[in-house]
Each structure stands twice: as structure tokens, then as C-alpha cells.
């Protein structure tokens, strides 16, 4: 099963900069998970498709669809729990 985290961010977003090192830490431990960074200023259509209204927004998906959505800075343990639930 493919598990993906979509990280919706913007360069001007302070909390997004706080989220970055947390995601890098998770990415090191979860090699089988696809991590996608999506700049909402450049990829407005994708952000709209996912109804992103606040930043940062993390969307955890698997082959069946969205498993979890986090709005605001999210700690590694919550992200990792969602990855387990998604089947990673």
C-alpha cells in the first residue's frame, strides 16, 4: 500500500518553517512513505482540491484516500500514529 504525506506550505508561513524540521525527522524514520511538499502559492488547484484553508496542513493518504488531516504545527508522534493507521 502506498502511503503519502502532502505538506501544504508557503514560503511566507512562519509555522510552516517550524513544521519543516519535524517532517524531516519523520521522513528519516519512514523511508517507505512518500513526502510531497506543495507550495500553495504555486499549486493553488491542488490546495483547492484538498480544501486547504490554513497553513501548514498535512494530509496523510493511502490507496483508499485521506486517512488523517492535520492543521497547524503537528508533532512527530501524531504524524507517526497517522502513518501507522494508514498502513505504512
C-alpha atoms as a PDB file:
ATOM      1  CA  UNK A   1       0.000   0.000   0.000  1.00  0.00           C
ATOM      2  CA  UNK A   2       1.307   3.439  -0.905  1.00  0.00           C
ATOM      3  CA  UNK A   3       1.249   5.986   1.914  1.00  0.00           C
ATOM      4  CA  UNK A   4       1.815   9.665   1.186  1.00  0.00           C
ATOM      5  CA  UNK A   5       2.096  12.823   3.278  1.00  0.00           C
ATOM      6  CA  UNK A   6       1.228  16.002   1.457  1.00  0.00           C
ATOM      7  CA  UNK A   7       2.746  19.043   3.195  1.00  0.00           C
ATOM      8  CA  UNK A   8       0.870  22.177   2.148  1.00  0.00           C
ATOM      9  CA  UNK A   9       3.014  25.236   2.906  1.00  0.00           C
ATOM     10  CA  UNK A  10       4.008  28.724   1.768  1.00  0.00           C
ATOM     11  CA  UNK A  11       7.403  30.435   1.924  1.00  0.00           C
ATOM     12  CA  UNK A  12       5.928  33.318   3.937  1.00  0.00           C
ATOM     13  CA  UNK A  13       4.348  30.997   6.554  1.00  0.00           C
ATOM     14  CA  UNK A  14       6.203  31.070   9.910  1.00  0.00           C
ATOM     15  CA  UNK A  15       4.563  27.942  11.359  1.00  0.00           C
ATOM     16  CA  UNK A  16       5.465  26.092   8.134  1.00  0.00           C
ATOM     17  CA  UNK A  17       9.130  26.764   8.906  1.00  0.00           C
ATOM     18  CA  UNK A  18       8.562  25.247  12.375  1.00  0.00           C
ATOM     19  CA  UNK A  19       6.929  22.174  10.792  1.00  0.00           C
ATOM     20  CA  UNK A  20       9.819  21.543   8.372  1.00  0.00           C
ATOM     21  CA  UNK A  21      12.391  20.009  10.775  1.00  0.00           C
ATOM     22  CA  UNK A  22       9.669  17.841  12.360  1.00  0.00           C
ATOM     23  CA  UNK A  23       8.762  16.423   8.936  1.00  0.00           C
ATOM     24  CA  UNK A  24      12.432  15.878   8.063  1.00  0.00           C
ATOM     25  CA  UNK A  25      12.813  13.846  11.271  1.00  0.00           C
ATOM     26  CA  UNK A  26       9.750  11.734  10.414  1.00  0.00           C
ATOM     27  CA  UNK A  27      10.947  11.285   6.831  1.00  0.00           C
ATOM     28  CA  UNK A  28      14.256   9.798   8.053  1.00  0.00           C
ATOM     29  CA  UNK A  29      12.392   7.126  10.053  1.00  0.00           C
ATOM     30  CA  UNK A  30       9.739   6.318   7.419  1.00  0.00           C
ATOM     31  CA  UNK A  31      11.625   5.504   4.225  1.00  0.00           C
ATOM     32  CA  UNK A  32       8.620   3.797   2.573  1.00  0.00           C
ATOM     33  CA  UNK A  33       6.384   6.874   2.844  1.00  0.00           C
ATOM     34  CA  UNK A  34       6.227   9.428   0.023  1.00  0.00           C
ATOM     35  CA  UNK A  35       6.640  13.013   1.243  1.00  0.00           C
ATOM     36  CA  UNK A  36       5.313  15.756  -1.042  1.00  0.00           C
ATOM     37  CA  UNK A  37       5.812  19.470  -0.400  1.00  0.00           C
ATOM     38  CA  UNK A  38       3.119  21.553  -2.058  1.00  0.00           C
ATOM     39  CA  UNK A  39       3.570  25.335  -2.220  1.00  0.00           C
ATOM     40  CA  UNK A  40       0.016  26.677  -2.059  1.00  0.00           C
ATOM     41  CA  UNK A  41       1.009  29.875  -3.880  1.00  0.00           C
ATOM     42  CA  UNK A  42       2.288  27.856  -6.857  1.00  0.00           C
ATOM     43  CA  UNK A  43      -0.167  24.940  -6.723  1.00  0.00           C
ATOM     44  CA  UNK A  44      -3.488  26.652  -5.975  1.00  0.00           C
ATOM     45  CA  UNK A  45      -5.505  23.979  -7.801  1.00  0.00           C
ATOM     46  CA  UNK A  46      -4.115  21.160  -5.666  1.00  0.00           C
ATOM     47  CA  UNK A  47      -4.650  23.192  -2.484  1.00  0.00           C
ATOM     48  CA  UNK A  48      -8.255  23.817  -3.543  1.00  0.00           C
ATOM     49  CA  UNK A  49      -8.777  20.123  -4.342  1.00  0.00           C
ATOM     50  CA  UNK A  50      -7.765  19.337  -0.750  1.00  0.00           C
ATOM     51  CA  UNK A  51      -9.744  22.288   0.717  1.00  0.00           C
ATOM     52  CA  UNK A  52      -6.628  23.762   2.322  1.00  0.00           C
ATOM     53  CA  UNK A  53      -7.602  26.931   4.197  1.00  0.00           C
ATOM     54  CA  UNK A  54      -4.870  27.136   6.867  1.00  0.00           C
ATOM     55  CA  UNK A  55      -1.134  26.517   6.894  1.00  0.00           C
ATOM     56  CA  UNK A  56       0.606  24.311   7.497  1.00  0.00           C
ATOM     57  CA  UNK A  57      -1.766  21.495   6.540  1.00  0.00           C
ATOM     58  CA  UNK A  58      -0.584  17.898   6.402  1.00  0.00           C
ATOM     59  CA  UNK A  59      -2.665  15.266   4.622  1.00  0.00           C
ATOM     60  CA  UNK A  60      -1.880  11.587   5.179  1.00  0.00           C
ATOM     61  CA  UNK A  61      -3.220   9.372   2.387  1.00  0.00           C
ATOM     62  CA  UNK A  62      -3.118   5.751   1.347  1.00  0.00           C
ATOM     63  CA  UNK A  63      -4.551   3.924  -1.671  1.00  0.00           C
ATOM     64  CA  UNK A  64      -8.047   4.233  -0.198  1.00  0.00           C
ATOM     65  CA  UNK A  65      -7.929   8.019   0.284  1.00  0.00           C
ATOM     66  CA  UNK A  66      -7.314  10.524   3.071  1.00  0.00           C
ATOM     67  CA  UNK A  67      -6.591   8.878   6.412  1.00  0.00           C
ATOM     68  CA  UNK A  68      -5.764  11.951   8.506  1.00  0.00           C
ATOM     69  CA  UNK A  69      -5.509  15.715   8.163  1.00  0.00           C
ATOM     70  CA  UNK A  70      -3.525  17.963  10.475  1.00  0.00           C
ATOM     71  CA  UNK A  71      -3.875  21.735  10.558  1.00  0.00           C
ATOM     72  CA  UNK A  72      -1.161  23.771  12.256  1.00  0.00           C
ATOM     73  CA  UNK A  73       2.197  22.592  13.539  1.00  0.00           C
ATOM     74  CA  UNK A  74       1.959  18.870  14.290  1.00  0.00           C
ATOM     75  CA  UNK A  75       4.397  16.901  16.418  1.00  0.00           C
ATOM     76  CA  UNK A  76       6.188  13.804  15.100  1.00  0.00           C
ATOM     77  CA  UNK A  77       4.340  11.329  17.353  1.00  0.00           C
ATOM     78  CA  UNK A  78       0.943  12.327  15.962  1.00  0.00           C
ATOM     79  CA  UNK A  79       2.223  12.106  12.388  1.00  0.00           C
ATOM     80  CA  UNK A  80       3.744   8.679  13.039  1.00  0.00           C
ATOM     81  CA  UNK A  81       0.486   7.394  14.589  1.00  0.00           C
ATOM     82  CA  UNK A  82      -1.364   8.504  11.431  1.00  0.00           C
ATOM     83  CA  UNK A  83       1.233   6.759   9.257  1.00  0.00           C
ATOM     84  CA  UNK A  84       0.700   3.516  11.200  1.00  0.00           C
ATOM     85  CA  UNK A  85      -3.074   3.861  10.791  1.00  0.00           C
ATOM     86  CA  UNK A  86      -2.559   4.434   7.043  1.00  0.00           C
ATOM     87  CA  UNK A  87      -0.665   1.166   6.748  1.00  0.00           C
ATOM     88  CA  UNK A  88       2.893   2.443   6.373  1.00  0.00           C
END
